[in-house]
Amino acid sequence: MSDIQIWHNPRCSKSRQAMEILEENGVEAEVVKYLDAELDEAMIKSLLLKLDIDAIDLMRTKEDKFKELKLDQVGDEGVLIRAMVRFPKLIERPIVIKGNQAVIGRPPEKIIAFLNS
């Protein structure tokens, strides 16, 4: 099992770029296709701690579901986390995790600096 993990959506160009960056740098990562994975609140909370961000900062605010659920009006972390568990498409991508730290790979070049840190 790799000590590096990527939360990946193969249909996302930025996520595919992140995979290419990992491959070009000889990094073997455990690939988590998070849209198909069984996510739970504990996983999202752990990820937020590794990213050192609030739940809203992990969300794709331009997604139709985000707007439909009016999540921009929600200040409760628990509600936002549960929304991401129920609708994983709301989670920003790609995310690379190394140990107790993580980075959102937007732009994907942030991953190179993260891997070298």
PDB file of N, CA and C in Angstrom:
ATOM      1  N   MET A   1       0.841  -1.182   0.000  1.00  0.00           N
ATOM      2  CA  MET A   1       0.000   0.000   0.000  1.00  0.00           C
ATOM      3  C   MET A   1       0.886   1.244   0.000  1.00  0.00           C
ATOM      4  N   SER A   2       0.551   2.206  -0.812  1.00  0.00           N
ATOM      5  CA  SER A   2       1.333   3.432  -0.949  1.00  0.00           C
ATOM      6  C   SER A   2       1.097   4.350   0.235  1.00  0.00           C
ATOM      7  N   ASP A   3       2.096   5.176   0.539  1.00  0.00           N
ATOM      8  CA  ASP A   3       1.916   6.167   1.602  1.00  0.00           C
ATOM      9  C   ASP A   3       1.330   7.457   1.033  1.00  0.00           C
ATOM     10  N   ILE A   4       1.047   7.462  -0.266  1.00  0.00           N
ATOM     11  CA  ILE A   4       0.405   8.603  -0.913  1.00  0.00           C
ATOM     12  C   ILE A   4      -0.902   8.127  -1.528  1.00  0.00           C
ATOM     13  N   GLN A   5      -1.912   8.959  -1.357  1.00  0.00           N
ATOM     14  CA  GLN A   5      -3.241   8.623  -1.855  1.00  0.00           C
ATOM     15  C   GLN A   5      -3.750   9.813  -2.662  1.00  0.00           C
ATOM     16  N   ILE A   6      -4.494   9.522  -3.715  1.00  0.00           N
ATOM     17  CA  ILE A   6      -5.138  10.589  -4.483  1.00  0.00           C
ATOM     18  C   ILE A   6      -6.627  10.292  -4.575  1.00  0.00           C
ATOM     19  N   TRP A   7      -7.434  11.303  -4.234  1.00  0.00           N
ATOM     20  CA  TRP A   7      -8.872  11.215  -4.454  1.00  0.00           C
ATOM     21  C   TRP A   7      -9.078  11.722  -5.878  1.00  0.00           C
ATOM     22  N   HIS A   8      -9.534  10.820  -6.737  1.00  0.00           N
ATOM     23  CA  HIS A   8      -9.482  11.031  -8.173  1.00  0.00           C
ATOM     24  C   HIS A   8     -10.845  10.843  -8.813  1.00  0.00           C
ATOM     25  N   ASN A   9     -11.118  11.708  -9.794  1.00  0.00           N
ATOM     26  CA  ASN A   9     -12.291  11.558 -10.642  1.00  0.00           C
ATOM     27  C   ASN A   9     -11.768  11.483 -12.076  1.00  0.00           C
ATOM     28  N   PRO A  10     -11.784  10.302 -12.687  1.00  0.00           N
ATOM     29  CA  PRO A  10     -11.227  10.137 -14.033  1.00  0.00           C
ATOM     30  C   PRO A  10     -11.860  11.042 -15.093  1.00  0.00           C
ATOM     31  N   ARG A  11     -13.056  11.550 -14.840  1.00  0.00           N
ATOM     32  CA  ARG A  11     -13.727  12.398 -15.824  1.00  0.00           C
ATOM     33  C   ARG A  11     -13.298  13.860 -15.716  1.00  0.00           C
ATOM     34  N   CYS A  12     -12.526  14.189 -14.693  1.00  0.00           N
ATOM     35  CA  CYS A  12     -12.098  15.566 -14.459  1.00  0.00           C
ATOM     36  C   CYS A  12     -10.709  15.789 -15.052  1.00  0.00           C
ATOM     37  N   SER A  13     -10.559  16.808 -15.883  1.00  0.00           N
ATOM     38  CA  SER A  13      -9.268  17.063 -16.529  1.00  0.00           C
ATOM     39  C   SER A  13      -8.183  17.412 -15.506  1.00  0.00           C
ATOM     40  N   LYS A  14      -8.520  18.179 -14.486  1.00  0.00           N
ATOM     41  CA  LYS A  14      -7.525  18.533 -13.461  1.00  0.00           C
ATOM     42  C   LYS A  14      -7.086  17.289 -12.693  1.00  0.00           C
ATOM     43  N   SER A  15      -7.999  16.396 -12.452  1.00  0.00           N
ATOM     44  CA  SER A  15      -7.687  15.156 -11.756  1.00  0.00           C
ATOM     45  C   SER A  15      -6.792  14.274 -12.623  1.00  0.00           C
ATOM     46  N   ARG A  16      -7.077  14.223 -13.907  1.00  0.00           N
ATOM     47  CA  ARG A  16      -6.218  13.463 -14.825  1.00  0.00           C
ATOM     48  C   ARG A  16      -4.823  14.076 -14.895  1.00  0.00           C
ATOM     49  N   GLN A  17      -4.745  15.403 -14.894  1.00  0.00           N
ATOM     50  CA  GLN A  17      -3.448  16.080 -14.881  1.00  0.00           C
ATOM     51  C   GLN A  17      -2.680  15.716 -13.610  1.00  0.00           C
ATOM     52  N   ALA A  18      -3.373  15.654 -12.504  1.00  0.00           N
ATOM     53  CA  ALA A  18      -2.733  15.293 -11.236  1.00  0.00           C
ATOM     54  C   ALA A  18      -2.157  13.885 -11.308  1.00  0.00           C
ATOM     55  N   MET A  19      -2.890  12.972 -11.903  1.00  0.00           N
ATOM     56  CA  MET A  19      -2.396  11.607 -12.065  1.00  0.00           C
ATOM     57  C   MET A  19      -1.136  11.598 -12.922  1.00  0.00           C
ATOM     58  N   GLU A  20      -1.129  12.400 -13.990  1.00  0.00           N
ATOM     59  CA  GLU A  20       0.050  12.496 -14.852  1.00  0.00           C
ATOM     60  C   GLU A  20       1.251  13.038 -14.080  1.00  0.00           C
ATOM     61  N   ILE A  21       1.030  14.035 -13.234  1.00  0.00           N
ATOM     62  CA  ILE A  21       2.106  14.604 -12.425  1.00  0.00           C
ATOM     63  C   ILE A  21       2.690  13.545 -11.496  1.00  0.00           C
ATOM     64  N   LEU A  22       1.822  12.774 -10.873  1.00  0.00           N
ATOM     65  CA  LEU A  22       2.301  11.710  -9.985  1.00  0.00           C
ATOM     66  C   LEU A  22       3.138  10.706 -10.774  1.00  0.00           C
ATOM     67  N   GLU A  23       2.627  10.283 -11.927  1.00  0.00           N
ATOM     68  CA  GLU A  23       3.348   9.311 -12.752  1.00  0.00           C
ATOM     69  C   GLU A  23       4.692   9.859 -13.225  1.00  0.00           C
ATOM     70  N   GLU A  24       4.695  11.109 -13.707  1.00  0.00           N
ATOM     71  CA  GLU A  24       5.936  11.731 -14.193  1.00  0.00           C
ATOM     72  C   GLU A  24       6.992  11.849 -13.099  1.00  0.00           C
ATOM     73  N   ASN A  25       6.541  11.943 -11.852  1.00  0.00           N
ATOM     74  CA  ASN A  25       7.457  12.074 -10.721  1.00  0.00           C
ATOM     75  C   ASN A  25       7.730  10.740 -10.038  1.00  0.00           C
ATOM     76  N   GLY A  26       7.298   9.649 -10.692  1.00  0.00           N
ATOM     77  CA  GLY A  26       7.571   8.315 -10.167  1.00  0.00           C
ATOM     78  C   GLY A  26       6.867   7.992  -8.867  1.00  0.00           C
ATOM     79  N   VAL A  27       5.751   8.657  -8.627  1.00  0.00           N
ATOM     80  CA  VAL A  27       5.004   8.443  -7.385  1.00  0.00           C
ATOM     81  C   VAL A  27       3.916   7.417  -7.623  1.00  0.00           C
ATOM     82  N   GLU A  28       3.980   6.344  -6.853  1.00  0.00           N
ATOM     83  CA  GLU A  28       2.908   5.351  -6.882  1.00  0.00           C
ATOM     84  C   GLU A  28       1.922   5.709  -5.792  1.00  0.00           C
ATOM     85  N   ALA A  29       0.723   6.039  -6.201  1.00  0.00           N
ATOM     86  CA  ALA A  29      -0.296   6.465  -5.248  1.00  0.00           C
ATOM     87  C   ALA A  29      -1.462   5.489  -5.240  1.00  0.00           C
ATOM     88  N   GLU A  30      -2.038   5.348  -4.085  1.00  0.00           N
ATOM     89  CA  GLU A  30      -3.300   4.610  -3.973  1.00  0.00           C
ATOM     90  C   GLU A  30      -4.383   5.520  -4.550  1.00  0.00           C
ATOM     91  N   VAL A  31      -5.114   5.036  -5.530  1.00  0.00           N
ATOM     92  CA  VAL A  31      -6.141   5.834  -6.188  1.00  0.00           C
ATOM     93  C   VAL A  31      -7.492   5.530  -5.554  1.00  0.00           C
ATOM     94  N   VAL A  32      -8.131   6.581  -5.061  1.00  0.00           N
ATOM     95  CA  VAL A  32      -9.462   6.462  -4.485  1.00  0.00           C
ATOM     96  C   VAL A  32     -10.423   7.187  -5.420  1.00  0.00           C
ATOM     97  N   LYS A  33     -11.253   6.425  -6.077  1.00  0.00           N
ATOM     98  CA  LYS A  33     -12.283   7.027  -6.929  1.00  0.00           C
ATOM     99  C   LYS A  33     -13.439   7.392  -5.999  1.00  0.00           C
ATOM    100  N   TYR A  34     -13.309   8.580  -5.429  1.00  0.00           N
ATOM    101  CA  TYR A  34     -14.186   8.969  -4.328  1.00  0.00           C
ATOM    102  C   TYR A  34     -15.663   9.059  -4.713  1.00  0.00           C
ATOM    103  N   LEU A  35     -15.961   9.226  -5.995  1.00  0.00           N
ATOM    104  CA  LEU A  35     -17.370   9.246  -6.399  1.00  0.00           C
ATOM    105  C   LEU A  35     -18.005   7.867  -6.261  1.00  0.00           C
ATOM    106  N   ASP A  36     -17.174   6.823  -6.298  1.00  0.00           N
ATOM    107  CA  ASP A  36     -17.665   5.450  -6.175  1.00  0.00           C
ATOM    108  C   ASP A  36     -17.445   4.879  -4.776  1.00  0.00           C
ATOM    109  N   ALA A  37     -16.641   5.570  -3.972  1.00  0.00           N
ATOM    110  CA  ALA A  37     -16.288   5.058  -2.641  1.00  0.00           C
ATOM    111  C   ALA A  37     -17.429   5.279  -1.654  1.00  0.00           C
ATOM    112  N   GLU A  38     -17.403   4.490  -0.606  1.00  0.00           N
ATOM    113  CA  GLU A  38     -18.367   4.646   0.483  1.00  0.00           C
ATOM    114  C   GLU A  38     -17.769   5.633   1.486  1.00  0.00           C
ATOM    115  N   LEU A  39     -18.046   6.912   1.300  1.00  0.00           N
ATOM    116  CA  LEU A  39     -17.524   7.936   2.204  1.00  0.00           C
ATOM    117  C   LEU A  39     -18.405   8.038   3.433  1.00  0.00           C
ATOM    118  N   ASP A  40     -17.780   8.436   4.539  1.00  0.00           N
ATOM    119  CA  ASP A  40     -18.556   8.711   5.739  1.00  0.00           C
ATOM    120  C   ASP A  40     -18.059  10.010   6.355  1.00  0.00           C
ATOM    121  N   GLU A  41     -18.762  10.483   7.377  1.00  0.00           N
ATOM    122  CA  GLU A  41     -18.415  11.763   7.990  1.00  0.00           C
ATOM    123  C   GLU A  41     -17.005  11.753   8.565  1.00  0.00           C
ATOM    124  N   ALA A  42     -16.595  10.650   9.147  1.00  0.00           N
ATOM    125  CA  ALA A  42     -15.260  10.560   9.751  1.00  0.00           C
ATOM    126  C   ALA A  42     -14.173  10.743   8.687  1.00  0.00           C
ATOM    127  N   MET A  43     -14.378  10.191   7.509  1.00  0.00           N
ATOM    128  CA  MET A  43     -13.397  10.332   6.423  1.00  0.00           C
ATOM    129  C   MET A  43     -13.275  11.792   5.992  1.00  0.00           C
ATOM    130  N   ILE A  44     -14.407  12.465   5.853  1.00  0.00           N
ATOM    131  CA  ILE A  44     -14.391  13.873   5.437  1.00  0.00           C
ATOM    132  C   ILE A  44     -13.753  14.732   6.530  1.00  0.00           C
ATOM    133  N   LYS A  45     -14.094  14.471   7.789  1.00  0.00           N
ATOM    134  CA  LYS A  45     -13.500  15.245   8.896  1.00  0.00           C
ATOM    135  C   LYS A  45     -11.993  15.050   8.939  1.00  0.00           C
ATOM    136  N   SER A  46     -11.547  13.832   8.748  1.00  0.00           N
ATOM    137  CA  SER A  46     -10.115  13.546   8.743  1.00  0.00           C
ATOM    138  C   SER A  46      -9.433  14.279   7.586  1.00  0.00           C
ATOM    139  N   LEU A  47     -10.060  14.276   6.430  1.00  0.00           N
ATOM    140  CA  LEU A  47      -9.514  14.969   5.277  1.00  0.00           C
ATOM    141  C   LEU A  47      -9.432  16.472   5.533  1.00  0.00           C
ATOM    142  N   LEU A  48     -10.456  17.034   6.136  1.00  0.00           N
ATOM    143  CA  LEU A  48     -10.451  18.465   6.445  1.00  0.00           C
ATOM    144  C   LEU A  48      -9.307  18.824   7.389  1.00  0.00           C
ATOM    145  N   LEU A  49      -9.044  17.958   8.356  1.00  0.00           N
ATOM    146  CA  LEU A  49      -7.924  18.192   9.271  1.00  0.00           C
ATOM    147  C   LEU A  49      -6.596  18.165   8.523  1.00  0.00           C
ATOM    148  N   LYS A  50      -6.446  17.216   7.627  1.00  0.00           N
ATOM    149  CA  LYS A  50      -5.204  17.106   6.851  1.00  0.00           C
ATOM    150  C   LYS A  50      -5.020  18.299   5.921  1.00  0.00           C
ATOM    151  N   LEU A  51      -6.112  18.809   5.396  1.00  0.00           N
ATOM    152  CA  LEU A  51      -6.066  19.970   4.514  1.00  0.00           C
ATOM    153  C   LEU A  51      -5.970  21.273   5.305  1.00  0.00           C
ATOM    154  N   ASP A  52      -6.387  21.223   6.568  1.00  0.00           N
ATOM    155  CA  ASP A  52      -6.425  22.395   7.444  1.00  0.00           C
ATOM    156  C   ASP A  52      -7.326  23.484   6.858  1.00  0.00           C
ATOM    157  N   ILE A  53      -8.535  23.054   6.467  1.00  0.00           N
ATOM    158  CA  ILE A  53      -9.519  23.984   5.903  1.00  0.00           C
ATOM    159  C   ILE A  53     -10.892  23.685   6.502  1.00  0.00           C
ATOM    160  N   ASP A  54     -11.822  24.606   6.284  1.00  0.00           N
ATOM    161  CA  ASP A  54     -13.215  24.406   6.674  1.00  0.00           C
ATOM    162  C   ASP A  54     -13.935  23.626   5.578  1.00  0.00           C
ATOM    163  N   ALA A  55     -15.072  23.047   5.943  1.00  0.00           N
ATOM    164  CA  ALA A  55     -15.836  22.224   5.001  1.00  0.00           C
ATOM    165  C   ALA A  55     -16.195  22.987   3.724  1.00  0.00           C
ATOM    166  N   ILE A  56     -16.594  24.231   3.848  1.00  0.00           N
ATOM    167  CA  ILE A  56     -17.006  25.001   2.670  1.00  0.00           C
ATOM    168  C   ILE A  56     -15.862  25.138   1.668  1.00  0.00           C
ATOM    169  N   ASP A  57     -14.620  25.143   2.167  1.00  0.00           N
ATOM    170  CA  ASP A  57     -13.455  25.296   1.297  1.00  0.00           C
ATOM    171  C   ASP A  57     -13.122  24.023   0.522  1.00  0.00           C
ATOM    172  N   LEU A  58     -13.756  22.924   0.880  1.00  0.00           N
ATOM    173  CA  LEU A  58     -13.565  21.653   0.184  1.00  0.00           C
ATOM    174  C   LEU A  58     -14.660  21.424  -0.864  1.00  0.00           C
ATOM    175  N   MET A  59     -15.597  22.346  -0.920  1.00  0.00           N
ATOM    176  CA  MET A  59     -16.771  22.130  -1.771  1.00  0.00           C
ATOM    177  C   MET A  59     -16.673  22.846  -3.104  1.00  0.00           C
ATOM    178  N   ARG A  60     -17.246  22.203  -4.093  1.00  0.00           N
ATOM    179  CA  ARG A  60     -17.341  22.770  -5.451  1.00  0.00           C
ATOM    180  C   ARG A  60     -18.588  23.665  -5.474  1.00  0.00           C
ATOM    181  N   THR A  61     -18.371  24.938  -5.229  1.00  0.00           N
ATOM    182  CA  THR A  61     -19.487  25.871  -5.044  1.00  0.00           C
ATOM    183  C   THR A  61     -20.234  26.196  -6.330  1.00  0.00           C
ATOM    184  N   LYS A  62     -19.695  25.805  -7.471  1.00  0.00           N
ATOM    185  CA  LYS A  62     -20.381  26.078  -8.739  1.00  0.00           C
ATOM    186  C   LYS A  62     -21.240  24.899  -9.195  1.00  0.00           C
ATOM    187  N   GLU A  63     -21.192  23.805  -8.457  1.00  0.00           N
ATOM    188  CA  GLU A  63     -22.016  22.636  -8.797  1.00  0.00           C
ATOM    189  C   GLU A  63     -23.499  22.977  -8.629  1.00  0.00           C
ATOM    190  N   ASP A  64     -24.317  22.447  -9.532  1.00  0.00           N
ATOM    191  CA  ASP A  64     -25.760  22.672  -9.448  1.00  0.00           C
ATOM    192  C   ASP A  64     -26.324  22.214  -8.111  1.00  0.00           C
ATOM    193  N   LYS A  65     -25.837  21.077  -7.602  1.00  0.00           N
ATOM    194  CA  LYS A  65     -26.349  20.541  -6.338  1.00  0.00           C
ATOM    195  C   LYS A  65     -26.044  21.497  -5.188  1.00  0.00           C
ATOM    196  N   PHE A  66     -24.871  22.132  -5.218  1.00  0.00           N
ATOM    197  CA  PHE A  66     -24.508  23.108  -4.187  1.00  0.00           C
ATOM    198  C   PHE A  66     -25.527  24.247  -4.168  1.00  0.00           C
ATOM    199  N   LYS A  67     -25.854  24.735  -5.367  1.00  0.00           N
ATOM    200  CA  LYS A  67     -26.812  25.838  -5.486  1.00  0.00           C
ATOM    201  C   LYS A  67     -28.223  25.377  -5.107  1.00  0.00           C
ATOM    202  N   GLU A  68     -28.587  24.191  -5.582  1.00  0.00           N
ATOM    203  CA  GLU A  68     -29.920  23.648  -5.296  1.00  0.00           C
ATOM    204  C   GLU A  68     -30.155  23.504  -3.797  1.00  0.00           C
ATOM    205  N   LEU A  69     -29.134  23.042  -3.089  1.00  0.00           N
ATOM    206  CA  LEU A  69     -29.258  22.843  -1.638  1.00  0.00           C
ATOM    207  C   LEU A  69     -29.017  24.125  -0.841  1.00  0.00           C
ATOM    208  N   LYS A  70     -28.674  25.220  -1.549  1.00  0.00           N
ATOM    209  CA  LYS A  70     -28.408  26.523  -0.920  1.00  0.00           C
ATOM    210  C   LYS A  70     -27.351  26.409   0.172  1.00  0.00           C
ATOM    211  N   LEU A  71     -26.294  25.653  -0.150  1.00  0.00           N
ATOM    212  CA  LEU A  71     -25.251  25.408   0.845  1.00  0.00           C
ATOM    213  C   LEU A  71     -24.428  26.653   1.154  1.00  0.00           C
ATOM    214  N   ASP A  72     -24.509  27.657   0.285  1.00  0.00           N
ATOM    215  CA  ASP A  72     -23.810  28.908   0.568  1.00  0.00           C
ATOM    216  C   ASP A  72     -24.426  29.633   1.765  1.00  0.00           C
ATOM    217  N   GLN A  73     -25.623  29.224   2.150  1.00  0.00           N
ATOM    218  CA  GLN A  73     -26.319  29.844   3.276  1.00  0.00           C
ATOM    219  C   GLN A  73     -26.170  29.034   4.559  1.00  0.00           C
ATOM    220  N   VAL A  74     -25.403  27.947   4.489  1.00  0.00           N
ATOM    221  CA  VAL A  74     -25.242  27.047   5.639  1.00  0.00           C
ATOM    222  C   VAL A  74     -23.915  27.346   6.328  1.00  0.00           C
ATOM    223  N   GLY A  75     -23.973  27.591   7.618  1.00  0.00           N
ATOM    224  CA  GLY A  75     -22.755  27.846   8.376  1.00  0.00           C
ATOM    225  C   GLY A  75     -22.354  26.675   9.250  1.00  0.00           C
ATOM    226  N   ASP A  76     -23.146  25.627   9.249  1.00  0.00           N
ATOM    227  CA  ASP A  76     -22.916  24.465  10.114  1.00  0.00           C
ATOM    228  C   ASP A  76     -22.011  23.457   9.412  1.00  0.00           C
ATOM    229  N   GLU A  77     -20.806  23.243   9.972  1.00  0.00           N
ATOM    230  CA  GLU A  77     -19.846  22.302   9.382  1.00  0.00           C
ATOM    231  C   GLU A  77     -20.455  20.914   9.211  1.00  0.00           C
ATOM    232  N   GLY A  78     -21.203  20.457  10.200  1.00  0.00           N
ATOM    233  CA  GLY A  78     -21.802  19.127  10.150  1.00  0.00           C
ATOM    234  C   GLY A  78     -22.739  18.959   8.972  1.00  0.00           C
ATOM    235  N   VAL A  79     -23.533  19.974   8.695  1.00  0.00           N
ATOM    236  CA  VAL A  79     -24.468  19.922   7.567  1.00  0.00           C
ATOM    237  C   VAL A  79     -23.687  19.853   6.255  1.00  0.00           C
ATOM    238  N   LEU A  80     -22.629  20.649   6.142  1.00  0.00           N
ATOM    239  CA  LEU A  80     -21.825  20.655   4.931  1.00  0.00           C
ATOM    240  C   LEU A  80     -21.117  19.309   4.731  1.00  0.00           C
ATOM    241  N   ILE A  81     -20.596  18.759   5.811  1.00  0.00           N
ATOM    242  CA  ILE A  81     -19.922  17.452   5.734  1.00  0.00           C
ATOM    243  C   ILE A  81     -20.911  16.369   5.307  1.00  0.00           C
ATOM    244  N   ARG A  82     -22.097  16.379   5.901  1.00  0.00           N
ATOM    245  CA  ARG A  82     -23.106  15.380   5.521  1.00  0.00           C
ATOM    246  C   ARG A  82     -23.525  15.537   4.065  1.00  0.00           C
ATOM    247  N   ALA A  83     -23.553  16.767   3.568  1.00  0.00           N
ATOM    248  CA  ALA A  83     -23.890  16.990   2.157  1.00  0.00           C
ATOM    249  C   ALA A  83     -22.829  16.361   1.261  1.00  0.00           C
ATOM    250  N   MET A  84     -21.544  16.479   1.649  1.00  0.00           N
ATOM    251  CA  MET A  84     -20.476  15.885   0.842  1.00  0.00           C
ATOM    252  C   MET A  84     -20.526  14.362   0.901  1.00  0.00           C
ATOM    253  N   VAL A  85     -20.902  13.810   2.031  1.00  0.00           N
ATOM    254  CA  VAL A  85     -21.039  12.357   2.135  1.00  0.00           C
ATOM    255  C   VAL A  85     -22.162  11.885   1.212  1.00  0.00           C
ATOM    256  N   ARG A  86     -23.261  12.597   1.251  1.00  0.00           N
ATOM    257  CA  ARG A  86     -24.421  12.194   0.445  1.00  0.00           C
ATOM    258  C   ARG A  86     -24.214  12.473  -1.042  1.00  0.00           C
ATOM    259  N   PHE A  87     -23.526  13.577  -1.350  1.00  0.00           N
ATOM    260  CA  PHE A  87     -23.306  13.985  -2.738  1.00  0.00           C
ATOM    261  C   PHE A  87     -21.810  14.234  -2.947  1.00  0.00           C
ATOM    262  N   PRO A  88     -21.014  13.181  -3.117  1.00  0.00           N
ATOM    263  CA  PRO A  88     -19.557  13.343  -3.231  1.00  0.00           C
ATOM    264  C   PRO A  88     -19.112  14.215  -4.402  1.00  0.00           C
ATOM    265  N   LYS A  89     -19.992  14.437  -5.375  1.00  0.00           N
ATOM    266  CA  LYS A  89     -19.653  15.312  -6.487  1.00  0.00           C
ATOM    267  C   LYS A  89     -19.381  16.739  -5.996  1.00  0.00           C
ATOM    268  N   LEU A  90     -19.836  17.060  -4.794  1.00  0.00           N
ATOM    269  CA  LEU A  90     -19.609  18.379  -4.220  1.00  0.00           C
ATOM    270  C   LEU A  90     -18.166  18.575  -3.754  1.00  0.00           C
ATOM    271  N   ILE A  91     -17.401  17.492  -3.655  1.00  0.00           N
ATOM    272  CA  ILE A  91     -16.036  17.565  -3.137  1.00  0.00           C
ATOM    273  C   ILE A  91     -15.089  18.038  -4.238  1.00  0.00           C
ATOM    274  N   GLU A  92     -14.299  19.046  -3.886  1.00  0.00           N
ATOM    275  CA  GLU A  92     -13.278  19.553  -4.815  1.00  0.00           C
ATOM    276  C   GLU A  92     -12.273  18.458  -5.106  1.00  0.00           C
ATOM    277  N   ARG A  93     -11.683  18.496  -6.282  1.00  0.00           N
ATOM    278  CA  ARG A  93     -10.735  17.475  -6.692  1.00  0.00           C
ATOM    279  C   ARG A  93      -9.665  18.092  -7.560  1.00  0.00           C
ATOM    280  N   PRO A  94      -8.581  17.425  -7.713  1.00  0.00           N
ATOM    281  CA  PRO A  94      -8.111  16.207  -7.034  1.00  0.00           C
ATOM    282  C   PRO A  94      -7.519  16.559  -5.672  1.00  0.00           C
ATOM    283  N   ILE A  95      -7.436  15.569  -4.818  1.00  0.00           N
ATOM    284  CA  ILE A  95      -6.833  15.741  -3.494  1.00  0.00           C
ATOM    285  C   ILE A  95      -5.736  14.700  -3.354  1.00  0.00           C
ATOM    286  N   VAL A  96      -4.552  15.159  -2.980  1.00  0.00           N
ATOM    287  CA  VAL A  96      -3.433  14.251  -2.742  1.00  0.00           C
ATOM    288  C   VAL A  96      -3.143  14.276  -1.253  1.00  0.00           C
ATOM    289  N   ILE A  97      -3.029  13.079  -0.685  1.00  0.00           N
ATOM    290  CA  ILE A  97      -2.800  12.922   0.754  1.00  0.00           C
ATOM    291  C   ILE A  97      -1.462  12.227   0.957  1.00  0.00           C
ATOM    292  N   LYS A  98      -0.669  12.799   1.863  1.00  0.00           N
ATOM    293  CA  LYS A  98       0.617  12.206   2.236  1.00  0.00           C
ATOM    294  C   LYS A  98       0.720  12.316   3.747  1.00  0.00           C
ATOM    295  N   GLY A  99       0.641  11.180   4.424  1.00  0.00           N
ATOM    296  CA  GLY A  99       0.708  11.193   5.887  1.00  0.00           C
ATOM    297  C   GLY A  99      -0.444  11.968   6.485  1.00  0.00           C
ATOM    298  N   ASN A 100      -0.110  12.939   7.320  1.00  0.00           N
ATOM    299  CA  ASN A 100      -1.141  13.742   7.985  1.00  0.00           C
ATOM    300  C   ASN A 100      -1.396  15.065   7.293  1.00  0.00           C
ATOM    301  N   GLN A 101      -0.979  15.159   6.033  1.00  0.00           N
ATOM    302  CA  GLN A 101      -1.191  16.380   5.278  1.00  0.00           C
ATOM    303  C   GLN A 101      -1.828  16.052   3.940  1.00  0.00           C
ATOM    304  N   ALA A 102      -2.471  17.067   3.386  1.00  0.00           N
ATOM    305  CA  ALA A 102      -3.116  16.892   2.081  1.00  0.00           C
ATOM    306  C   ALA A 102      -3.138  18.233   1.361  1.00  0.00           C
ATOM    307  N   VAL A 103      -3.352  18.155   0.056  1.00  0.00           N
ATOM    308  CA  VAL A 103      -3.465  19.359  -0.764  1.00  0.00           C
ATOM    309  C   VAL A 103      -4.527  19.126  -1.828  1.00  0.00           C
ATOM    310  N   ILE A 104      -5.265  20.189  -2.111  1.00  0.00           N
ATOM    311  CA  ILE A 104      -6.182  20.165  -3.245  1.00  0.00           C
ATOM    312  C   ILE A 104      -5.351  20.586  -4.447  1.00  0.00           C
ATOM    313  N   GLY A 105      -5.308  19.758  -5.456  1.00  0.00           N
ATOM    314  CA  GLY A 105      -4.461  19.991  -6.621  1.00  0.00           C
ATOM    315  C   GLY A 105      -5.056  20.934  -7.640  1.00  0.00           C
ATOM    316  N   ARG A 106      -5.379  22.121  -7.233  1.00  0.00           N
ATOM    317  CA  ARG A 106      -5.872  23.173  -8.127  1.00  0.00           C
ATOM    318  C   ARG A 106      -5.072  24.421  -7.855  1.00  0.00           C
ATOM    319  N   PRO A 107      -4.228  24.810  -8.740  1.00  0.00           N
ATOM    320  CA  PRO A 107      -3.876  24.124  -9.978  1.00  0.00           C
ATOM    321  C   PRO A 107      -3.065  22.859  -9.684  1.00  0.00           C
ATOM    322  N   PRO A 108      -3.035  21.923 -10.600  1.00  0.00           N
ATOM    323  CA  PRO A 108      -2.353  20.650 -10.374  1.00  0.00           C
ATOM    324  C   PRO A 108      -0.875  20.795  -9.993  1.00  0.00           C
ATOM    325  N   GLU A 109      -0.241  21.886 -10.392  1.00  0.00           N
ATOM    326  CA  GLU A 109       1.167  22.095 -10.067  1.00  0.00           C
ATOM    327  C   GLU A 109       1.406  22.194  -8.558  1.00  0.00           C
ATOM    328  N   LYS A 110       0.368  22.510  -7.791  1.00  0.00           N
ATOM    329  CA  LYS A 110       0.503  22.555  -6.330  1.00  0.00           C
ATOM    330  C   LYS A 110       0.936  21.188  -5.787  1.00  0.00           C
ATOM    331  N   ILE A 111       0.638  20.145  -6.527  1.00  0.00           N
ATOM    332  CA  ILE A 111       0.971  18.795  -6.098  1.00  0.00           C
ATOM    333  C   ILE A 111       2.490  18.590  -6.072  1.00  0.00           C
ATOM    334  N   ILE A 112       3.189  19.152  -7.044  1.00  0.00           N
ATOM    335  CA  ILE A 112       4.652  19.003  -7.099  1.00  0.00           C
ATOM    336  C   ILE A 112       5.277  19.608  -5.849  1.00  0.00           C
ATOM    337  N   ALA A 113       4.872  20.836  -5.510  1.00  0.00           N
ATOM    338  CA  ALA A 113       5.418  21.488  -4.314  1.00  0.00           C
ATOM    339  C   ALA A 113       5.073  20.682  -3.067  1.00  0.00           C
ATOM    340  N   PHE A 114       3.867  20.143  -3.014  1.00  0.00           N
ATOM    341  CA  PHE A 114       3.438  19.354  -1.874  1.00  0.00           C
ATOM    342  C   PHE A 114       4.279  18.084  -1.732  1.00  0.00           C
ATOM    343  N   LEU A 115       4.514  17.395  -2.829  1.00  0.00           N
ATOM    344  CA  LEU A 115       5.298  16.167  -2.780  1.00  0.00           C
ATOM    345  C   LEU A 115       6.737  16.424  -2.359  1.00  0.00           C
ATOM    346  N   ASN A 116       7.247  17.602  -2.698  1.00  0.00           N
ATOM    347  CA  ASN A 116       8.626  17.938  -2.368  1.00  0.00           C
ATOM    348  C   ASN A 116       8.778  18.564  -0.996  1.00  0.00           C
ATOM    349  N   SER A 117       7.678  18.764  -0.291  1.00  0.00           N
ATOM    350  CA  SER A 117       7.755  19.388   1.033  1.00  0.00           C
ATOM    351  C   SER A 117       8.073  18.383   2.117  1.00  0.00           C
TER     352      SER A 117
END
